[in-house]
Amino acid sequence: MIEVRNTEIWIGRKDSLPYKRVMNLFISSTEETEVAGTMNLSMNMGNYNRPVAITVPSPSKDIMEMFGSGLMQLPNDPGFE
């Protein structure tokens, strides 16, 4: 299970767009997994309304393959919308 312990969102004063999000996550083991620990994430956002080309590397895994169903707990995060 993933629990959000702290979250911070930086919003632009002029455009009200999100520019940075910092989260501290606590991961506890469950019956399905024996993984536990903490994760600190910092996401920078920008270049809104500009074209982006993304090439998926091969081989690749999607986020559910990497982290499993534990990610479904994230909507409990107070900053999640």
PDB file of N, CA and C in Angstrom:
ATOM      1  N   MET A   1       0.841  -1.174   0.000  1.00  0.00           N
ATOM      2  CA  MET A   1       0.000   0.000   0.000  1.00  0.00           C
ATOM      3  C   MET A   1       0.888   1.239   0.000  1.00  0.00           C
ATOM      4  N   ILE A   2       0.466   2.264  -0.726  1.00  0.00           N
ATOM      5  CA  ILE A   2       1.208   3.515  -0.799  1.00  0.00           C
ATOM      6  C   ILE A   2       0.423   4.591  -0.058  1.00  0.00           C
ATOM      7  N   GLU A   3       1.098   5.258   0.860  1.00  0.00           N
ATOM      8  CA  GLU A   3       0.474   6.329   1.640  1.00  0.00           C
ATOM      9  C   GLU A   3       1.234   7.624   1.363  1.00  0.00           C
ATOM     10  N   VAL A   4       0.514   8.682   1.012  1.00  0.00           N
ATOM     11  CA  VAL A   4       1.138   9.979   0.793  1.00  0.00           C
ATOM     12  C   VAL A   4       1.268  10.661   2.149  1.00  0.00           C
ATOM     13  N   ARG A   5       2.503  10.940   2.550  1.00  0.00           N
ATOM     14  CA  ARG A   5       2.742  11.564   3.857  1.00  0.00           C
ATOM     15  C   ARG A   5       2.770  13.088   3.761  1.00  0.00           C
ATOM     16  N   ASN A   6       3.221  13.599   2.637  1.00  0.00           N
ATOM     17  CA  ASN A   6       3.333  15.045   2.471  1.00  0.00           C
ATOM     18  C   ASN A   6       3.281  15.359   0.977  1.00  0.00           C
ATOM     19  N   THR A   7       2.623  16.437   0.624  1.00  0.00           N
ATOM     20  CA  THR A   7       2.589  16.852  -0.781  1.00  0.00           C
ATOM     21  C   THR A   7       2.600  18.370  -0.855  1.00  0.00           C
ATOM     22  N   GLU A   8       3.224  18.875  -1.899  1.00  0.00           N
ATOM     23  CA  GLU A   8       3.344  20.316  -2.099  1.00  0.00           C
ATOM     24  C   GLU A   8       3.168  20.579  -3.585  1.00  0.00           C
ATOM     25  N   ILE A   9       2.353  21.574  -3.940  1.00  0.00           N
ATOM     26  CA  ILE A   9       2.126  21.910  -5.343  1.00  0.00           C
ATOM     27  C   ILE A   9       2.424  23.390  -5.543  1.00  0.00           C
ATOM     28  N   TRP A  10       3.252  23.695  -6.546  1.00  0.00           N
ATOM     29  CA  TRP A  10       3.580  25.074  -6.880  1.00  0.00           C
ATOM     30  C   TRP A  10       2.716  25.489  -8.064  1.00  0.00           C
ATOM     31  N   ILE A  11       1.970  26.565  -7.904  1.00  0.00           N
ATOM     32  CA  ILE A  11       1.035  27.050  -8.923  1.00  0.00           C
ATOM     33  C   ILE A  11       1.511  28.418  -9.418  1.00  0.00           C
ATOM     34  N   GLY A  12       1.459  28.626 -10.757  1.00  0.00           N
ATOM     35  CA  GLY A  12       1.852  29.901 -11.339  1.00  0.00           C
ATOM     36  C   GLY A  12       0.903  31.022 -10.929  1.00  0.00           C
ATOM     37  N   ARG A  13       1.460  32.160 -10.535  1.00  0.00           N
ATOM     38  CA  ARG A  13       0.625  33.298 -10.108  1.00  0.00           C
ATOM     39  C   ARG A  13      -0.198  33.885 -11.249  1.00  0.00           C
ATOM     40  N   LYS A  14       0.391  33.967 -12.433  1.00  0.00           N
ATOM     41  CA  LYS A  14      -0.300  34.604 -13.559  1.00  0.00           C
ATOM     42  C   LYS A  14      -1.220  33.660 -14.313  1.00  0.00           C
ATOM     43  N   ASP A  15      -0.832  32.380 -14.446  1.00  0.00           N
ATOM     44  CA  ASP A  15      -1.613  31.463 -15.279  1.00  0.00           C
ATOM     45  C   ASP A  15      -2.328  30.354 -14.499  1.00  0.00           C
ATOM     46  N   SER A  16      -2.094  30.254 -13.208  1.00  0.00           N
ATOM     47  CA  SER A  16      -2.725  29.239 -12.333  1.00  0.00           C
ATOM     48  C   SER A  16      -2.442  27.801 -12.768  1.00  0.00           C
ATOM     49  N   LEU A  17      -1.361  27.574 -13.505  1.00  0.00           N
ATOM     50  CA  LEU A  17      -0.981  26.233 -13.933  1.00  0.00           C
ATOM     51  C   LEU A  17       0.005  25.620 -12.930  1.00  0.00           C
ATOM     52  N   PRO A  18      -0.024  24.297 -12.758  1.00  0.00           N
ATOM     53  CA  PRO A  18       0.941  23.664 -11.847  1.00  0.00           C
ATOM     54  C   PRO A  18       2.330  23.615 -12.481  1.00  0.00           C
ATOM     55  N   TYR A  19       3.355  23.981 -11.704  1.00  0.00           N
ATOM     56  CA  TYR A  19       4.721  23.978 -12.207  1.00  0.00           C
ATOM     57  C   TYR A  19       5.637  23.016 -11.469  1.00  0.00           C
ATOM     58  N   LYS A  20       5.266  22.645 -10.249  1.00  0.00           N
ATOM     59  CA  LYS A  20       6.088  21.697  -9.515  1.00  0.00           C
ATOM     60  C   LYS A  20       5.218  20.981  -8.490  1.00  0.00           C
ATOM     61  N   ARG A  21       5.515  19.693  -8.288  1.00  0.00           N
ATOM     62  CA  ARG A  21       4.842  18.918  -7.246  1.00  0.00           C
ATOM     63  C   ARG A  21       5.893  18.070  -6.544  1.00  0.00           C
ATOM     64  N   VAL A  22       5.874  18.139  -5.231  1.00  0.00           N
ATOM     65  CA  VAL A  22       6.788  17.364  -4.400  1.00  0.00           C
ATOM     66  C   VAL A  22       5.933  16.459  -3.526  1.00  0.00           C
ATOM     67  N   MET A  23       6.260  15.165  -3.477  1.00  0.00           N
ATOM     68  CA  MET A  23       5.511  14.215  -2.657  1.00  0.00           C
ATOM     69  C   MET A  23       6.472  13.319  -1.889  1.00  0.00           C
ATOM     70  N   ASN A  24       6.092  13.002  -0.655  1.00  0.00           N
ATOM     71  CA  ASN A  24       6.793  12.024   0.156  1.00  0.00           C
ATOM     72  C   ASN A  24       5.845  10.851   0.355  1.00  0.00           C
ATOM     73  N   LEU A  25       6.242   9.679  -0.111  1.00  0.00           N
ATOM     74  CA  LEU A  25       5.395   8.491  -0.052  1.00  0.00           C
ATOM     75  C   LEU A  25       5.983   7.459   0.899  1.00  0.00           C
ATOM     76  N   PHE A  26       5.114   6.748   1.593  1.00  0.00           N
ATOM     77  CA  PHE A  26       5.510   5.620   2.430  1.00  0.00           C
ATOM     78  C   PHE A  26       4.882   4.370   1.837  1.00  0.00           C
ATOM     79  N   ILE A  27       5.691   3.382   1.565  1.00  0.00           N
ATOM     80  CA  ILE A  27       5.227   2.140   0.952  1.00  0.00           C
ATOM     81  C   ILE A  27       5.319   1.041   2.007  1.00  0.00           C
ATOM     82  N   SER A  28       4.191   0.431   2.319  1.00  0.00           N
ATOM     83  CA  SER A  28       4.181  -0.642   3.317  1.00  0.00           C
ATOM     84  C   SER A  28       3.891  -1.971   2.637  1.00  0.00           C
ATOM     85  N   SER A  29       4.433  -3.025   3.204  1.00  0.00           N
ATOM     86  CA  SER A  29       4.222  -4.347   2.628  1.00  0.00           C
ATOM     87  C   SER A  29       2.782  -4.794   2.852  1.00  0.00           C
ATOM     88  N   THR A  30       2.299  -5.641   1.957  1.00  0.00           N
ATOM     89  CA  THR A  30       0.947  -6.187   2.034  1.00  0.00           C
ATOM     90  C   THR A  30       1.039  -7.696   1.920  1.00  0.00           C
ATOM     91  N   GLU A  31      -0.095  -8.344   1.912  1.00  0.00           N
ATOM     92  CA  GLU A  31      -0.106  -9.801   1.723  1.00  0.00           C
ATOM     93  C   GLU A  31       0.427 -10.180   0.345  1.00  0.00           C
ATOM     94  N   GLU A  32       0.247  -9.269  -0.646  1.00  0.00           N
ATOM     95  CA  GLU A  32       0.673  -9.547  -2.017  1.00  0.00           C
ATOM     96  C   GLU A  32       2.144  -9.223  -2.260  1.00  0.00           C
ATOM     97  N   THR A  33       2.690  -8.243  -1.524  1.00  0.00           N
ATOM     98  CA  THR A  33       4.075  -7.823  -1.747  1.00  0.00           C
ATOM     99  C   THR A  33       4.821  -7.756  -0.430  1.00  0.00           C
ATOM    100  N   GLU A  34       6.129  -7.895  -0.516  1.00  0.00           N
ATOM    101  CA  GLU A  34       6.971  -7.765   0.667  1.00  0.00           C
ATOM    102  C   GLU A  34       7.865  -6.546   0.543  1.00  0.00           C
ATOM    103  N   VAL A  35       7.429  -5.553  -0.217  1.00  0.00           N
ATOM    104  CA  VAL A  35       8.202  -4.348  -0.457  1.00  0.00           C
ATOM    105  C   VAL A  35       7.779  -3.278   0.539  1.00  0.00           C
ATOM    106  N   ALA A  36       8.746  -2.587   1.142  1.00  0.00           N
ATOM    107  CA  ALA A  36       8.453  -1.492   2.050  1.00  0.00           C
ATOM    108  C   ALA A  36       9.555  -0.452   1.921  1.00  0.00           C
ATOM    109  N   GLY A  37       9.213   0.809   2.182  1.00  0.00           N
ATOM    110  CA  GLY A  37      10.215   1.867   2.124  1.00  0.00           C
ATOM    111  C   GLY A  37       9.577   3.222   1.933  1.00  0.00           C
ATOM    112  N   THR A  38      10.403   4.193   1.618  1.00  0.00           N
ATOM    113  CA  THR A  38       9.921   5.542   1.356  1.00  0.00           C
ATOM    114  C   THR A  38      10.365   5.971  -0.032  1.00  0.00           C
ATOM    115  N   MET A  39       9.636   6.909  -0.595  1.00  0.00           N
ATOM    116  CA  MET A  39       9.956   7.435  -1.912  1.00  0.00           C
ATOM    117  C   MET A  39       9.688   8.944  -1.887  1.00  0.00           C
ATOM    118  N   ASN A  40      10.653   9.719  -2.337  1.00  0.00           N
ATOM    119  CA  ASN A  40      10.494  11.165  -2.445  1.00  0.00           C
ATOM    120  C   ASN A  40      10.484  11.521  -3.924  1.00  0.00           C
ATOM    121  N   LEU A  41       9.403  12.149  -4.374  1.00  0.00           N
ATOM    122  CA  LEU A  41       9.244  12.504  -5.777  1.00  0.00           C
ATOM    123  C   LEU A  41       9.207  14.013  -5.941  1.00  0.00           C
ATOM    124  N   SER A  42       9.844  14.497  -6.984  1.00  0.00           N
ATOM    125  CA  SER A  42       9.773  15.903  -7.353  1.00  0.00           C
ATOM    126  C   SER A  42       9.501  15.951  -8.852  1.00  0.00           C
ATOM    127  N   MET A  43       8.376  16.533  -9.235  1.00  0.00           N
ATOM    128  CA  MET A  43       7.988  16.611 -10.643  1.00  0.00           C
ATOM    129  C   MET A  43       7.945  18.079 -11.073  1.00  0.00           C
ATOM    130  N   ASN A  44       8.696  18.411 -12.124  1.00  0.00           N
ATOM    131  CA  ASN A  44       8.675  19.754 -12.689  1.00  0.00           C
ATOM    132  C   ASN A  44       7.842  19.722 -13.965  1.00  0.00           C
ATOM    133  N   MET A  45       6.964  20.701 -14.116  1.00  0.00           N
ATOM    134  CA  MET A  45       6.089  20.765 -15.276  1.00  0.00           C
ATOM    135  C   MET A  45       6.250  22.121 -15.957  1.00  0.00           C
ATOM    136  N   GLY A  46       6.074  22.147 -17.251  1.00  0.00           N
ATOM    137  CA  GLY A  46       6.196  23.398 -17.988  1.00  0.00           C
ATOM    138  C   GLY A  46       5.981  23.160 -19.470  1.00  0.00           C
ATOM    139  N   ASN A  47       6.320  24.168 -20.256  1.00  0.00           N
ATOM    140  CA  ASN A  47       6.153  24.118 -21.708  1.00  0.00           C
ATOM    141  C   ASN A  47       4.720  23.758 -22.095  1.00  0.00           C
ATOM    142  N   TYR A  48       3.760  24.349 -21.393  1.00  0.00           N
ATOM    143  CA  TYR A  48       2.353  24.065 -21.675  1.00  0.00           C
ATOM    144  C   TYR A  48       1.975  24.503 -23.087  1.00  0.00           C
ATOM    145  N   ASN A  49       1.096  23.725 -23.719  1.00  0.00           N
ATOM    146  CA  ASN A  49       0.561  23.996 -25.055  1.00  0.00           C
ATOM    147  C   ASN A  49       1.622  23.966 -26.151  1.00  0.00           C
ATOM    148  N   ARG A  50       2.698  23.223 -25.926  1.00  0.00           N
ATOM    149  CA  ARG A  50       3.727  23.046 -26.952  1.00  0.00           C
ATOM    150  C   ARG A  50       3.708  21.595 -27.411  1.00  0.00           C
ATOM    151  N   PRO A  51       3.969  21.338 -28.686  1.00  0.00           N
ATOM    152  CA  PRO A  51       3.943  19.955 -29.181  1.00  0.00           C
ATOM    153  C   PRO A  51       5.057  19.110 -28.557  1.00  0.00           C
ATOM    154  N   VAL A  52       4.748  17.818 -28.371  1.00  0.00           N
ATOM    155  CA  VAL A  52       5.694  16.874 -27.787  1.00  0.00           C
ATOM    156  C   VAL A  52       5.675  15.591 -28.610  1.00  0.00           C
ATOM    157  N   ALA A  53       6.858  15.075 -28.908  1.00  0.00           N
ATOM    158  CA  ALA A  53       6.976  13.784 -29.589  1.00  0.00           C
ATOM    159  C   ALA A  53       7.577  12.793 -28.605  1.00  0.00           C
ATOM    160  N   ILE A  54       6.890  11.685 -28.365  1.00  0.00           N
ATOM    161  CA  ILE A  54       7.348  10.677 -27.411  1.00  0.00           C
ATOM    162  C   ILE A  54       7.532   9.357 -28.143  1.00  0.00           C
ATOM    163  N   THR A  55       8.716   8.783 -27.996  1.00  0.00           N
ATOM    164  CA  THR A  55       9.006   7.480 -28.573  1.00  0.00           C
ATOM    165  C   THR A  55       9.127   6.481 -27.432  1.00  0.00           C
ATOM    166  N   VAL A  56       8.298   5.448 -27.430  1.00  0.00           N
ATOM    167  CA  VAL A  56       8.320   4.421 -26.387  1.00  0.00           C
ATOM    168  C   VAL A  56       9.507   3.506 -26.643  1.00  0.00           C
ATOM    169  N   PRO A  57      10.398   3.357 -25.635  1.00  0.00           N
ATOM    170  CA  PRO A  57      11.536   2.443 -25.830  1.00  0.00           C
ATOM    171  C   PRO A  57      11.068   0.990 -25.837  1.00  0.00           C
ATOM    172  N   SER A  58      11.847   0.147 -26.477  1.00  0.00           N
ATOM    173  CA  SER A  58      11.501  -1.266 -26.527  1.00  0.00           C
ATOM    174  C   SER A  58      12.662  -2.054 -25.955  1.00  0.00           C
ATOM    175  N   PRO A  59      12.473  -2.962 -25.057  1.00  0.00           N
ATOM    176  CA  PRO A  59      11.220  -3.320 -24.397  1.00  0.00           C
ATOM    177  C   PRO A  59      10.870  -2.293 -23.317  1.00  0.00           C
ATOM    178  N   SER A  60       9.602  -2.220 -22.988  1.00  0.00           N
ATOM    179  CA  SER A  60       9.156  -1.288 -21.961  1.00  0.00           C
ATOM    180  C   SER A  60       8.050  -1.917 -21.129  1.00  0.00           C
ATOM    181  N   LYS A  61       7.801  -1.343 -19.938  1.00  0.00           N
ATOM    182  CA  LYS A  61       6.722  -1.780 -19.057  1.00  0.00           C
ATOM    183  C   LYS A  61       5.870  -0.566 -18.718  1.00  0.00           C
ATOM    184  N   ASP A  62       4.555  -0.788 -18.586  1.00  0.00           N
ATOM    185  CA  ASP A  62       3.728   0.321 -18.143  1.00  0.00           C
ATOM    186  C   ASP A  62       3.796   0.408 -16.616  1.00  0.00           C
ATOM    187  N   ILE A  63       3.249   1.465 -16.051  1.00  0.00           N
ATOM    188  CA  ILE A  63       3.374   1.716 -14.620  1.00  0.00           C
ATOM    189  C   ILE A  63       2.725   0.627 -13.771  1.00  0.00           C
ATOM    190  N   MET A  64       1.630   0.036 -14.237  1.00  0.00           N
ATOM    191  CA  MET A  64       0.984  -1.027 -13.479  1.00  0.00           C
ATOM    192  C   MET A  64       1.863  -2.284 -13.431  1.00  0.00           C
ATOM    193  N   GLU A  65       2.598  -2.549 -14.505  1.00  0.00           N
ATOM    194  CA  GLU A  65       3.516  -3.686 -14.506  1.00  0.00           C
ATOM    195  C   GLU A  65       4.675  -3.449 -13.536  1.00  0.00           C
ATOM    196  N   MET A  66       5.088  -2.194 -13.402  1.00  0.00           N
ATOM    197  CA  MET A  66       6.208  -1.880 -12.528  1.00  0.00           C
ATOM    198  C   MET A  66       5.825  -1.892 -11.050  1.00  0.00           C
ATOM    199  N   PHE A  67       4.679  -1.294 -10.714  1.00  0.00           N
ATOM    200  CA  PHE A  67       4.321  -1.097  -9.316  1.00  0.00           C
ATOM    201  C   PHE A  67       3.111  -1.884  -8.854  1.00  0.00           C
ATOM    202  N   GLY A  68       2.343  -2.445  -9.769  1.00  0.00           N
ATOM    203  CA  GLY A  68       1.196  -3.257  -9.384  1.00  0.00           C
ATOM    204  C   GLY A  68       0.026  -2.447  -8.873  1.00  0.00           C
ATOM    205  N   SER A  69      -0.890  -3.123  -8.240  1.00  0.00           N
ATOM    206  CA  SER A  69      -2.146  -2.501  -7.811  1.00  0.00           C
ATOM    207  C   SER A  69      -1.970  -1.551  -6.639  1.00  0.00           C
ATOM    208  N   GLY A  70      -0.795  -1.486  -6.014  1.00  0.00           N
ATOM    209  CA  GLY A  70      -0.563  -0.554  -4.909  1.00  0.00           C
ATOM    210  C   GLY A  70      -0.769   0.889  -5.311  1.00  0.00           C
ATOM    211  N   LEU A  71      -0.603   1.194  -6.597  1.00  0.00           N
ATOM    212  CA  LEU A  71      -0.799   2.566  -7.063  1.00  0.00           C
ATOM    213  C   LEU A  71      -2.251   3.009  -6.985  1.00  0.00           C
ATOM    214  N   MET A  72      -3.157   2.078  -6.892  1.00  0.00           N
ATOM    215  CA  MET A  72      -4.569   2.447  -6.840  1.00  0.00           C
ATOM    216  C   MET A  72      -4.902   3.179  -5.538  1.00  0.00           C
ATOM    217  N   GLN A  73      -3.975   3.222  -4.584  1.00  0.00           N
ATOM    218  CA  GLN A  73      -4.205   3.923  -3.332  1.00  0.00           C
ATOM    219  C   GLN A  73      -3.964   5.431  -3.467  1.00  0.00           C
ATOM    220  N   LEU A  74      -3.303   5.892  -4.526  1.00  0.00           N
ATOM    221  CA  LEU A  74      -2.948   7.293  -4.657  1.00  0.00           C
ATOM    222  C   LEU A  74      -4.119   8.275  -4.608  1.00  0.00           C
ATOM    223  N   PRO A  75      -5.322   7.952  -5.068  1.00  0.00           N
ATOM    224  CA  PRO A  75      -6.399   8.945  -4.967  1.00  0.00           C
ATOM    225  C   PRO A  75      -6.705   9.395  -3.540  1.00  0.00           C
ATOM    226  N   ASN A  76      -6.218   8.730  -2.510  1.00  0.00           N
ATOM    227  CA  ASN A  76      -6.392   9.188  -1.139  1.00  0.00           C
ATOM    228  C   ASN A  76      -5.497  10.371  -0.819  1.00  0.00           C
ATOM    229  N   ASP A  77      -4.576  10.684  -1.697  1.00  0.00           N
ATOM    230  CA  ASP A  77      -3.683  11.818  -1.539  1.00  0.00           C
ATOM    231  C   ASP A  77      -4.504  13.105  -1.544  1.00  0.00           C
ATOM    232  N   PRO A  78      -4.349  13.981  -0.540  1.00  0.00           N
ATOM    233  CA  PRO A  78      -5.155  15.211  -0.495  1.00  0.00           C
ATOM    234  C   PRO A  78      -4.937  16.128  -1.694  1.00  0.00           C
ATOM    235  N   GLY A  79      -3.767  16.026  -2.373  1.00  0.00           N
ATOM    236  CA  GLY A  79      -3.507  16.874  -3.526  1.00  0.00           C
ATOM    237  C   GLY A  79      -3.929  16.256  -4.840  1.00  0.00           C
ATOM    238  N   PHE A  80      -4.444  15.032  -4.819  1.00  0.00           N
ATOM    239  CA  PHE A  80      -4.821  14.327  -6.042  1.00  0.00           C
ATOM    240  C   PHE A  80      -6.177  14.786  -6.510  1.00  0.00           C
ATOM    241  N   GLU A  81      -6.279  15.177  -7.785  1.00  0.00           N
ATOM    242  CA  GLU A  81      -7.574  15.588  -8.339  1.00  0.00           C
ATOM    243  C   GLU A  81      -7.793  14.929  -9.669  1.00  0.00           C
TER     244      GLU A  81
END
